[in-house]
C-alpha atoms as a PDB file:
ATOM      1  CA  MET A   1     -19.935 126.450 -68.449  1.00  0.00           C
ATOM      2  CA  THR A   2     -17.458 127.359 -71.181  1.00  0.00           C
ATOM      3  CA  LYS A   3     -14.243 129.156 -70.319  1.00  0.00           C
ATOM      4  CA  PHE A   4     -14.602 132.921 -70.025  1.00  0.00           C
ATOM      5  CA  ASP A   5     -12.220 135.321 -71.772  1.00  0.00           C
ATOM      6  CA  LEU A   6     -10.356 136.821 -68.826  1.00  0.00           C
ATOM      7  CA  ARG A   7      -9.188 139.773 -70.919  1.00  0.00           C
ATOM      8  CA  HIS A   8     -12.481 141.393 -69.943  1.00  0.00           C
ATOM      9  CA  ILE A   9     -11.541 141.278 -66.249  1.00  0.00           C
ATOM     10  CA  ASP A  10      -9.090 143.747 -64.729  1.00  0.00           C
ATOM     11  CA  PRO A  11      -6.749 141.751 -62.442  1.00  0.00           C
ATOM     12  CA  ASP A  12      -5.987 144.884 -60.424  1.00  0.00           C
ATOM     13  CA  ARG A  13      -9.565 145.381 -59.236  1.00  0.00           C
ATOM     14  CA  HIS A  14     -11.911 143.331 -57.120  1.00  0.00           C
ATOM     15  CA  LEU A  15     -14.263 141.038 -59.029  1.00  0.00           C
ATOM     16  CA  LEU A  16     -17.908 140.560 -58.025  1.00  0.00           C
ATOM     17  CA  ILE A  17     -19.798 137.638 -59.591  1.00  0.00           C
ATOM     18  CA  ALA A  18     -23.563 137.355 -59.145  1.00  0.00           C
ATOM     19  CA  GLY A  19     -26.123 135.063 -60.728  1.00  0.00           C
ATOM     20  CA  PRO A  20     -28.943 132.636 -60.043  1.00  0.00           C
ATOM     21  CA  THR A  21     -28.307 129.322 -58.356  1.00  0.00           C
ATOM     22  CA  ALA A  22     -26.631 126.662 -60.550  1.00  0.00           C
ATOM     23  CA  SER A  23     -25.513 129.193 -63.168  1.00  0.00           C
ATOM     24  CA  GLY A  24     -21.791 128.441 -62.807  1.00  0.00           C
ATOM     25  CA  LYS A  25     -20.642 131.276 -60.547  1.00  0.00           C
ATOM     26  CA  SER A  26     -18.200 129.176 -58.516  1.00  0.00           C
ATOM     27  CA  ALA A  27     -16.600 127.699 -61.625  1.00  0.00           C
ATOM     28  CA  LEU A  28     -15.973 131.183 -63.023  1.00  0.00           C
ATOM     29  CA  ALA A  29     -14.574 132.400 -59.701  1.00  0.00           C
ATOM     30  CA  MET A  30     -12.146 129.494 -59.583  1.00  0.00           C
ATOM     31  CA  GLN A  31     -11.076 130.082 -63.192  1.00  0.00           C
ATOM     32  CA  VAL A  32     -10.274 133.708 -62.395  1.00  0.00           C
ATOM     33  CA  ALA A  33      -8.503 132.894 -59.121  1.00  0.00           C
ATOM     34  CA  ASP A  34      -6.415 130.231 -60.827  1.00  0.00           C
ATOM     35  CA  GLN A  35      -5.290 132.501 -63.670  1.00  0.00           C
ATOM     36  CA  GLN A  36      -5.250 135.962 -62.091  1.00  0.00           C
ATOM     37  CA  GLY A  37      -5.054 135.341 -58.355  1.00  0.00           C
ATOM     38  CA  GLY A  38      -7.362 136.561 -55.638  1.00  0.00           C
ATOM     39  CA  LEU A  39      -9.253 135.366 -52.570  1.00  0.00           C
ATOM     40  CA  ILE A  40     -12.622 133.757 -53.374  1.00  0.00           C
ATOM     41  CA  VAL A  41     -15.176 135.116 -50.893  1.00  0.00           C
ATOM     42  CA  ASN A  42     -18.632 133.654 -50.364  1.00  0.00           C
ATOM     43  CA  ALA A  43     -21.670 135.897 -50.907  1.00  0.00           C
ATOM     44  CA  ASP A  44     -24.300 133.172 -50.526  1.00  0.00           C
ATOM     45  CA  ALA A  45     -26.337 133.286 -47.315  1.00  0.00           C
ATOM     46  CA  LEU A  46     -26.946 129.529 -47.459  1.00  0.00           C
ATOM     47  CA  GLN A  47     -23.283 128.554 -47.876  1.00  0.00           C
ATOM     48  CA  ILE A  48     -22.192 130.123 -44.584  1.00  0.00           C
ATOM     49  CA  TRP A  49     -23.505 127.172 -42.531  1.00  0.00           C
ATOM     50  CA  SER A  50     -20.986 124.597 -41.385  1.00  0.00           C
ATOM     51  CA  ASN A  51     -23.354 121.629 -41.718  1.00  0.00           C
ATOM     52  CA  TRP A  52     -24.440 122.206 -45.342  1.00  0.00           C
ATOM     53  CA  ARG A  53     -21.632 121.564 -47.788  1.00  0.00           C
ATOM     54  CA  VAL A  54     -23.314 119.215 -50.259  1.00  0.00           C
ATOM     55  CA  LEU A  55     -26.862 120.562 -49.991  1.00  0.00           C
ATOM     56  CA  THR A  56     -25.827 124.170 -50.687  1.00  0.00           C
ATOM     57  CA  ALA A  57     -23.251 123.286 -53.388  1.00  0.00           C
ATOM     58  CA  ARG A  58     -20.396 124.793 -51.404  1.00  0.00           C
ATOM     59  CA  PRO A  59     -16.933 124.392 -52.929  1.00  0.00           C
ATOM     60  CA  SER A  60     -15.553 120.955 -52.213  1.00  0.00           C
ATOM     61  CA  ALA A  61     -12.762 120.373 -49.730  1.00  0.00           C
ATOM     62  CA  SER A  62     -10.375 119.823 -52.638  1.00  0.00           C
ATOM     63  CA  ASP A  63     -11.447 123.112 -54.252  1.00  0.00           C
ATOM     64  CA  GLU A  64     -10.838 124.963 -51.004  1.00  0.00           C
ATOM     65  CA  ALA A  65      -7.437 123.318 -50.679  1.00  0.00           C
ATOM     66  CA  ALA A  66      -6.463 124.210 -54.257  1.00  0.00           C
ATOM     67  CA  LEU A  67      -7.361 127.925 -54.113  1.00  0.00           C
ATOM     68  CA  PRO A  68      -7.879 130.385 -51.248  1.00  0.00           C
ATOM     69  CA  HIS A  69     -11.510 130.651 -50.082  1.00  0.00           C
ATOM     70  CA  ALA A  70     -13.139 132.612 -47.256  1.00  0.00           C
ATOM     71  CA  LEU A  71     -16.495 132.799 -45.428  1.00  0.00           C
ATOM     72  CA  TYR A  72     -17.674 129.347 -46.459  1.00  0.00           C
ATOM     73  CA  GLY A  73     -19.152 127.043 -43.818  1.00  0.00           C
ATOM     74  CA  HIS A  74     -17.898 129.192 -40.958  1.00  0.00           C
ATOM     75  CA  ILE A  75     -21.141 129.579 -38.971  1.00  0.00           C
ATOM     76  CA  THR A  76     -22.547 126.772 -36.815  1.00  0.00           C
ATOM     77  CA  PRO A  77     -26.301 126.031 -36.681  1.00  0.00           C
ATOM     78  CA  GLY A  78     -28.172 128.002 -34.050  1.00  0.00           C
ATOM     79  CA  ARG A  79     -26.107 131.166 -34.355  1.00  0.00           C
ATOM     80  CA  ALA A  80     -27.674 134.344 -35.737  1.00  0.00           C
ATOM     81  CA  TYR A  81     -25.984 135.859 -38.782  1.00  0.00           C
ATOM     82  CA  SER A  82     -26.881 139.018 -40.695  1.00  0.00           C
ATOM     83  CA  VAL A  83     -25.765 140.942 -43.748  1.00  0.00           C
ATOM     84  CA  GLY A  84     -24.057 143.341 -41.336  1.00  0.00           C
ATOM     85  CA  ASP A  85     -22.012 140.468 -39.899  1.00  0.00           C
ATOM     86  CA  TRP A  86     -21.042 139.436 -43.421  1.00  0.00           C
ATOM     87  CA  LEU A  87     -19.993 142.962 -44.410  1.00  0.00           C
ATOM     88  CA  ARG A  88     -17.800 143.326 -41.328  1.00  0.00           C
ATOM     89  CA  GLN A  89     -16.051 140.052 -42.181  1.00  0.00           C
ATOM     90  CA  VAL A  90     -15.557 141.089 -45.808  1.00  0.00           C
ATOM     91  CA  GLN A  91     -14.146 144.438 -44.695  1.00  0.00           C
ATOM     92  CA  ALA A  92     -11.422 142.608 -42.784  1.00  0.00           C
ATOM     93  CA  LEU A  93     -10.320 140.981 -46.058  1.00  0.00           C
ATOM     94  CA  THR A  94     -10.122 144.049 -48.321  1.00  0.00           C
ATOM     95  CA  ASP A  95      -6.357 144.464 -48.033  1.00  0.00           C
ATOM     96  CA  GLN A  96      -6.098 142.041 -50.968  1.00  0.00           C
ATOM     97  CA  ARG A  97      -7.824 141.369 -54.273  1.00  0.00           C
ATOM     98  CA  LEU A  98     -11.223 139.770 -53.667  1.00  0.00           C
ATOM     99  CA  ILE A  99     -13.328 137.603 -55.953  1.00  0.00           C
ATOM    100  CA  ILE A 100     -16.733 137.823 -54.293  1.00  0.00           C
ATOM    101  CA  VAL A 101     -19.183 135.271 -55.611  1.00  0.00           C
ATOM    102  CA  GLY A 102     -22.745 134.379 -54.714  1.00  0.00           C
ATOM    103  CA  GLY A 103     -26.431 134.651 -55.365  1.00  0.00           C
ATOM    104  CA  THR A 104     -27.657 136.523 -52.308  1.00  0.00           C
ATOM    105  CA  GLY A 105     -28.693 139.854 -53.781  1.00  0.00           C
ATOM    106  CA  LEU A 106     -28.968 141.562 -50.396  1.00  0.00           C
ATOM    107  CA  TYR A 107     -25.321 140.828 -49.631  1.00  0.00           C
ATOM    108  CA  LEU A 108     -24.143 142.109 -53.002  1.00  0.00           C
ATOM    109  CA  THR A 109     -26.240 145.272 -53.118  1.00  0.00           C
ATOM    110  CA  THR A 110     -25.313 146.316 -49.578  1.00  0.00           C
ATOM    111  CA  LEU A 111     -21.669 145.644 -50.437  1.00  0.00           C
ATOM    112  CA  THR A 112     -21.829 148.022 -53.411  1.00  0.00           C
ATOM    113  CA  GLU A 113     -24.491 150.510 -52.256  1.00  0.00           C
ATOM    114  CA  GLY A 114     -24.042 150.672 -48.484  1.00  0.00           C
ATOM    115  CA  LEU A 115     -25.862 149.311 -45.461  1.00  0.00           C
ATOM    116  CA  ALA A 116     -28.487 150.916 -43.296  1.00  0.00           C
ATOM    117  CA  TYR A 117     -27.990 150.541 -39.557  1.00  0.00           C
ATOM    118  CA  VAL A 118     -30.759 148.574 -37.867  1.00  0.00           C
ATOM    119  CA  PRO A 119     -30.662 148.001 -34.086  1.00  0.00           C
ATOM    120  CA  PRO A 120     -30.150 144.402 -32.938  1.00  0.00           C
ATOM    121  CA  ILE A 121     -33.341 142.366 -32.554  1.00  0.00           C
ATOM    122  CA  PRO A 122     -34.019 141.104 -28.997  1.00  0.00           C
ATOM    123  CA  PRO A 123     -34.019 137.288 -28.795  1.00  0.00           C
ATOM    124  CA  ALA A 124     -37.564 137.286 -27.418  1.00  0.00           C
ATOM    125  CA  ILE A 125     -38.905 139.043 -30.523  1.00  0.00           C
ATOM    126  CA  ARG A 126     -36.925 136.732 -32.796  1.00  0.00           C
ATOM    127  CA  ALA A 127     -38.434 133.738 -30.994  1.00  0.00           C
ATOM    128  CA  GLN A 128     -41.868 135.308 -31.343  1.00  0.00           C
ATOM    129  CA  GLY A 129     -41.248 135.721 -35.064  1.00  0.00           C
ATOM    130  CA  ASP A 130     -40.118 132.108 -35.397  1.00  0.00           C
ATOM    131  CA  GLY A 131     -43.316 130.963 -33.731  1.00  0.00           C
ATOM    132  CA  LEU A 132     -45.544 133.172 -35.845  1.00  0.00           C
ATOM    133  CA  LEU A 133     -43.906 132.063 -39.080  1.00  0.00           C
ATOM    134  CA  ALA A 134     -44.338 128.397 -38.131  1.00  0.00           C
ATOM    135  CA  ARG A 135     -48.113 128.801 -37.738  1.00  0.00           C
ATOM    136  CA  PRO A 136     -50.479 128.174 -40.670  1.00  0.00           C
ATOM    137  CA  GLY A 137     -50.937 131.514 -42.420  1.00  0.00           C
ATOM    138  CA  GLY A 138     -48.121 133.045 -40.393  1.00  0.00           C
ATOM    139  CA  LEU A 139     -46.288 134.430 -43.416  1.00  0.00           C
ATOM    140  CA  LEU A 140     -49.417 136.230 -44.648  1.00  0.00           C
ATOM    141  CA  ASP A 141     -50.060 137.620 -41.158  1.00  0.00           C
ATOM    142  CA  MET A 142     -46.509 138.978 -41.028  1.00  0.00           C
ATOM    143  CA  VAL A 143     -46.846 140.575 -44.461  1.00  0.00           C
ATOM    144  CA  ALA A 144     -50.135 142.212 -43.447  1.00  0.00           C
ATOM    145  CA  ALA A 145     -48.509 143.665 -40.314  1.00  0.00           C
ATOM    146  CA  LEU A 146     -45.729 145.425 -42.240  1.00  0.00           C
ATOM    147  CA  ASP A 147     -45.760 149.107 -43.098  1.00  0.00           C
ATOM    148  CA  GLN A 148     -46.654 149.832 -46.713  1.00  0.00           C
ATOM    149  CA  ALA A 149     -43.231 151.167 -47.740  1.00  0.00           C
ATOM    150  CA  THR A 150     -41.476 148.017 -46.535  1.00  0.00           C
ATOM    151  CA  ARG A 151     -44.130 145.709 -47.980  1.00  0.00           C
ATOM    152  CA  GLU A 152     -43.649 147.268 -51.411  1.00  0.00           C
ATOM    153  CA  ARG A 153     -39.872 146.962 -51.219  1.00  0.00           C
ATOM    154  CA  ILE A 154     -39.236 143.376 -50.112  1.00  0.00           C
ATOM    155  CA  ASP A 155     -40.027 139.997 -51.641  1.00  0.00           C
ATOM    156  CA  THR A 156     -43.150 139.141 -49.639  1.00  0.00           C
ATOM    157  CA  ARG A 157     -42.889 135.471 -50.687  1.00  0.00           C
ATOM    158  CA  ASN A 158     -39.509 135.111 -49.006  1.00  0.00           C
ATOM    159  CA  PRO A 159     -40.075 134.044 -45.358  1.00  0.00           C
ATOM    160  CA  ALA A 160     -36.614 135.162 -44.228  1.00  0.00           C
ATOM    161  CA  ARG A 161     -37.052 138.671 -45.662  1.00  0.00           C
ATOM    162  CA  VAL A 162     -40.588 139.016 -44.297  1.00  0.00           C
ATOM    163  CA  GLN A 163     -39.628 137.824 -40.825  1.00  0.00           C
ATOM    164  CA  ARG A 164     -36.657 140.177 -40.741  1.00  0.00           C
ATOM    165  CA  ALA A 165     -38.874 143.135 -41.675  1.00  0.00           C
ATOM    166  CA  TRP A 166     -41.514 142.115 -39.140  1.00  0.00           C
ATOM    167  CA  GLU A 167     -38.913 141.797 -36.382  1.00  0.00           C
ATOM    168  CA  VAL A 168     -37.481 145.242 -37.134  1.00  0.00           C
ATOM    169  CA  LEU A 169     -40.908 146.880 -37.079  1.00  0.00           C
ATOM    170  CA  THR A 170     -41.933 145.036 -33.905  1.00  0.00           C
ATOM    171  CA  ALA A 171     -38.681 145.795 -32.080  1.00  0.00           C
ATOM    172  CA  THR A 172     -38.231 149.430 -33.109  1.00  0.00           C
ATOM    173  CA  GLY A 173     -41.652 150.703 -34.130  1.00  0.00           C
ATOM    174  CA  ARG A 174     -40.016 151.870 -37.353  1.00  0.00           C
ATOM    175  CA  GLY A 175     -40.294 150.113 -40.704  1.00  0.00           C
ATOM    176  CA  LEU A 176     -37.295 148.474 -42.348  1.00  0.00           C
ATOM    177  CA  ALA A 177     -37.653 150.718 -45.417  1.00  0.00           C
ATOM    178  CA  ASP A 178     -37.376 153.743 -43.136  1.00  0.00           C
ATOM    179  CA  TRP A 179     -34.221 152.400 -41.491  1.00  0.00           C
ATOM    180  CA  GLN A 180     -32.755 151.598 -44.923  1.00  0.00           C
ATOM    181  CA  ALA A 181     -33.123 155.213 -45.972  1.00  0.00           C
ATOM    182  CA  ASP A 182     -30.171 155.966 -43.659  1.00  0.00           C
ATOM    183  CA  THR A 183     -27.425 154.236 -45.594  1.00  0.00           C
ATOM    184  CA  THR A 184     -23.645 154.120 -45.069  1.00  0.00           C
ATOM    185  CA  ALA A 185     -21.065 154.449 -47.835  1.00  0.00           C
ATOM    186  CA  PRO A 186     -20.485 151.259 -49.863  1.00  0.00           C
ATOM    187  CA  LEU A 187     -17.632 148.981 -48.856  1.00  0.00           C
ATOM    188  CA  ILE A 188     -16.700 148.353 -52.507  1.00  0.00           C
ATOM    189  CA  GLY A 189     -17.909 151.065 -54.871  1.00  0.00           C
ATOM    190  CA  PRO A 190     -18.490 150.659 -58.632  1.00  0.00           C
ATOM    191  CA  ASP A 191     -15.092 152.173 -59.451  1.00  0.00           C
ATOM    192  CA  GLN A 192     -13.303 149.597 -57.307  1.00  0.00           C
ATOM    193  CA  ALA A 193     -14.574 146.402 -58.904  1.00  0.00           C
ATOM    194  CA  THR A 194     -15.610 144.608 -62.049  1.00  0.00           C
ATOM    195  CA  ARG A 195     -19.231 143.529 -61.497  1.00  0.00           C
ATOM    196  CA  ILE A 196     -20.521 140.582 -63.528  1.00  0.00           C
ATOM    197  CA  LEU A 197     -24.074 139.242 -63.503  1.00  0.00           C
ATOM    198  CA  LEU A 198     -24.511 135.769 -64.993  1.00  0.00           C
ATOM    199  CA  GLN A 199     -27.707 135.273 -66.963  1.00  0.00           C
ATOM    200  CA  ALA A 200     -29.055 132.023 -68.372  1.00  0.00           C
ATOM    201  CA  ASP A 201     -31.888 130.589 -70.428  1.00  0.00           C
ATOM    202  CA  ARG A 202     -34.571 129.372 -68.019  1.00  0.00           C
ATOM    203  CA  ASP A 203     -34.863 125.889 -69.542  1.00  0.00           C
ATOM    204  CA  TRP A 204     -31.082 125.453 -69.475  1.00  0.00           C
ATOM    205  CA  LEU A 205     -30.976 126.562 -65.856  1.00  0.00           C
ATOM    206  CA  ALA A 206     -33.926 124.355 -64.869  1.00  0.00           C
ATOM    207  CA  ASP A 207     -32.147 121.335 -66.315  1.00  0.00           C
ATOM    208  CA  ARG A 208     -28.945 122.186 -64.438  1.00  0.00           C
ATOM    209  CA  ILE A 209     -30.888 122.604 -61.205  1.00  0.00           C
ATOM    210  CA  ALA A 210     -32.435 119.147 -61.552  1.00  0.00           C
ATOM    211  CA  ARG A 211     -29.161 117.463 -62.475  1.00  0.00           C
ATOM    212  CA  ARG A 212     -27.316 119.207 -59.669  1.00  0.00           C
ATOM    213  CA  PHE A 213     -29.849 118.106 -57.066  1.00  0.00           C
ATOM    214  CA  ASP A 214     -29.485 114.509 -58.245  1.00  0.00           C
ATOM    215  CA  LEU A 215     -25.724 114.869 -57.811  1.00  0.00           C
ATOM    216  CA  MET A 216     -26.331 116.229 -54.313  1.00  0.00           C
ATOM    217  CA  LEU A 217     -28.387 113.167 -53.445  1.00  0.00           C
ATOM    218  CA  THR A 218     -25.692 110.796 -54.653  1.00  0.00           C
ATOM    219  CA  GLY A 219     -23.016 112.959 -53.026  1.00  0.00           C
ATOM    220  CA  GLY A 220     -24.316 112.807 -49.464  1.00  0.00           C
ATOM    221  CA  ALA A 221     -27.042 115.443 -49.110  1.00  0.00           C
ATOM    222  CA  LEU A 222     -29.409 113.000 -47.432  1.00  0.00           C
ATOM    223  CA  ASP A 223     -26.737 112.116 -44.879  1.00  0.00           C
ATOM    224  CA  GLU A 224     -26.242 115.818 -44.112  1.00  0.00           C
ATOM    225  CA  VAL A 225     -29.957 116.199 -43.455  1.00  0.00           C
ATOM    226  CA  ARG A 226     -30.071 113.005 -41.385  1.00  0.00           C
ATOM    227  CA  ASP A 227     -27.284 114.387 -39.180  1.00  0.00           C
ATOM    228  CA  ALA A 228     -29.350 117.551 -38.661  1.00  0.00           C
ATOM    229  CA  VAL A 229     -32.513 115.761 -37.488  1.00  0.00           C
ATOM    230  CA  PRO A 230     -31.649 115.850 -33.735  1.00  0.00           C
ATOM    231  CA  ILE A 231     -31.243 119.637 -33.754  1.00  0.00           C
ATOM    232  CA  TRP A 232     -33.821 120.518 -36.406  1.00  0.00           C
ATOM    233  CA  GLN A 233     -35.791 123.708 -35.644  1.00  0.00           C
ATOM    234  CA  PRO A 234     -38.371 124.661 -38.288  1.00  0.00           C
ATOM    235  CA  GLY A 235     -38.021 128.310 -39.232  1.00  0.00           C
ATOM    236  CA  ALA A 236     -34.498 128.708 -37.830  1.00  0.00           C
ATOM    237  CA  GLN A 237     -32.087 130.543 -40.097  1.00  0.00           C
ATOM    238  CA  TRP A 238     -29.872 127.548 -40.785  1.00  0.00           C
ATOM    239  CA  THR A 239     -32.783 125.262 -41.704  1.00  0.00           C
ATOM    240  CA  ARG A 240     -33.673 127.320 -44.776  1.00  0.00           C
ATOM    241  CA  ALA A 241     -31.199 125.510 -47.026  1.00  0.00           C
ATOM    242  CA  ILE A 242     -33.209 124.584 -50.106  1.00  0.00           C
ATOM    243  CA  GLY A 243     -34.038 120.894 -50.079  1.00  0.00           C
ATOM    244  CA  ALA A 244     -33.516 120.440 -46.343  1.00  0.00           C
ATOM    245  CA  PRO A 245     -37.203 120.698 -45.302  1.00  0.00           C
ATOM    246  CA  GLU A 246     -38.230 118.328 -48.077  1.00  0.00           C
ATOM    247  CA  LEU A 247     -35.607 115.741 -47.160  1.00  0.00           C
ATOM    248  CA  ILE A 248     -36.547 116.068 -43.485  1.00  0.00           C
ATOM    249  CA  ARG A 249     -40.118 115.170 -44.452  1.00  0.00           C
ATOM    250  CA  HIS A 250     -38.794 112.160 -46.355  1.00  0.00           C
ATOM    251  CA  LEU A 251     -36.796 110.980 -43.349  1.00  0.00           C
ATOM    252  CA  ARG A 252     -39.930 111.311 -41.217  1.00  0.00           C
ATOM    253  CA  GLY A 253     -41.858 109.105 -43.638  1.00  0.00           C
ATOM    254  CA  GLU A 254     -44.076 111.916 -44.924  1.00  0.00           C
ATOM    255  CA  LEU A 255     -42.707 111.845 -48.478  1.00  0.00           C
ATOM    256  CA  THR A 256     -41.040 109.306 -50.721  1.00  0.00           C
ATOM    257  CA  LEU A 257     -37.554 110.235 -51.841  1.00  0.00           C
ATOM    258  CA  ALA A 258     -38.886 110.866 -55.358  1.00  0.00           C
ATOM    259  CA  GLU A 259     -41.520 113.248 -53.974  1.00  0.00           C
ATOM    260  CA  ALA A 260     -38.981 115.067 -51.817  1.00  0.00           C
ATOM    261  CA  ARG A 261     -36.660 115.360 -54.807  1.00  0.00           C
ATOM    262  CA  GLU A 262     -39.386 116.878 -56.989  1.00  0.00           C
ATOM    263  CA  LEU A 263     -40.466 119.382 -54.344  1.00  0.00           C
ATOM    264  CA  ALA A 264     -36.845 120.410 -53.679  1.00  0.00           C
ATOM    265  CA  ILE A 265     -36.208 120.975 -57.387  1.00  0.00           C
ATOM    266  CA  ILE A 266     -39.372 123.091 -57.639  1.00  0.00           C
ATOM    267  CA  ALA A 267     -38.275 125.118 -54.594  1.00  0.00           C
ATOM    268  CA  THR A 268     -34.860 125.682 -56.177  1.00  0.00           C
ATOM    269  CA  ARG A 269     -36.429 126.904 -59.409  1.00  0.00           C
ATOM    270  CA  GLN A 270     -38.623 129.296 -57.427  1.00  0.00           C
ATOM    271  CA  TYR A 271     -35.532 130.538 -55.597  1.00  0.00           C
ATOM    272  CA  ALA A 272     -33.784 131.152 -58.924  1.00  0.00           C
ATOM    273  CA  LYS A 273     -36.808 133.132 -60.097  1.00  0.00           C
ATOM    274  CA  ALA A 274     -36.704 135.296 -56.953  1.00  0.00           C
ATOM    275  CA  GLN A 275     -32.983 135.879 -57.510  1.00  0.00           C
ATOM    276  CA  ARG A 276     -33.583 137.007 -61.098  1.00  0.00           C
ATOM    277  CA  MET A 277     -36.260 139.431 -59.885  1.00  0.00           C
ATOM    278  CA  TRP A 278     -33.813 140.956 -57.405  1.00  0.00           C
ATOM    279  CA  PHE A 279     -31.077 141.251 -60.016  1.00  0.00           C
ATOM    280  CA  ARG A 280     -33.411 142.949 -62.504  1.00  0.00           C
ATOM    281  CA  GLY A 281     -34.715 145.369 -59.910  1.00  0.00           C
ATOM    282  CA  ARG A 282     -31.580 146.208 -57.937  1.00  0.00           C
ATOM    283  CA  MET A 283     -28.508 145.369 -60.050  1.00  0.00           C
ATOM    284  CA  LYS A 284     -29.233 146.909 -63.458  1.00  0.00           C
ATOM    285  CA  SER A 285     -25.781 148.497 -63.728  1.00  0.00           C
ATOM    286  CA  TRP A 286     -23.907 145.187 -63.484  1.00  0.00           C
ATOM    287  CA  GLN A 287     -22.291 143.770 -66.628  1.00  0.00           C
ATOM    288  CA  PRO A 288     -24.484 140.913 -67.961  1.00  0.00           C
ATOM    289  CA  LEU A 289     -22.869 137.688 -69.110  1.00  0.00           C
ATOM    290  CA  MET A 290     -24.932 134.972 -70.816  1.00  0.00           C
ATOM    291  CA  VAL A 291     -23.996 131.408 -69.902  1.00  0.00           C
ATOM    292  CA  GLY A 292     -25.242 128.077 -71.125  1.00  0.00           C
END
């Protein structure tokens, strides 16, 4: 990505950078931090896991040593982690200028619009949800069980979002959309931050996605997945890193590496499409910036 003119960014306000996967968000965040200062804070729900550095394109160890970073790789596999957990950790950092960067739309919209309180989900119901999602047709069954208001609001092709909504309804008897109607004040309001949304040509982004996954493979992604085999739990939160299920299937002899690579690239493109849909629907007031 070409260098961005930092005259458009107020160094006295927080900076929020959103965009689809592989669009160059981290590079822009580092450029700003290097020239203006600020703590780079992760807003990517896949980059929180300690065991996925290469596979989730987390900043490298040298990047983290060169500039201050927070909330990257700080959660171990098997732990539960929610947007509420993330917001509480961000709140503890707001005594300084933050450069919040990521592609998880839920994190970014709750940061700037507020969060609805939802009671904790009992472990037994979460385990029940894991089991249901792992069954053939489980995702469709979960979608069908949701209340209409929630079904119309969430991405019903996203297993994590569907399972979360199903768990809330099952545990509380009240739909997620209903809970979300009771929303707290935003942690960082529009007047407190510059909000940038990276946008890219689809073909340009698709090419970057493919090239980046090849770099992941040569950079150790397969070793990361191999290390995870002994504790692998299909459907668990930490196993949803894009490319991990496909590489697990390769290591089990179910796919060639070329087949796993192709399926992982397709999954990443689908993820980018879902991100763009969220941004268009929920983040229309953010400042667009074309890249590529």
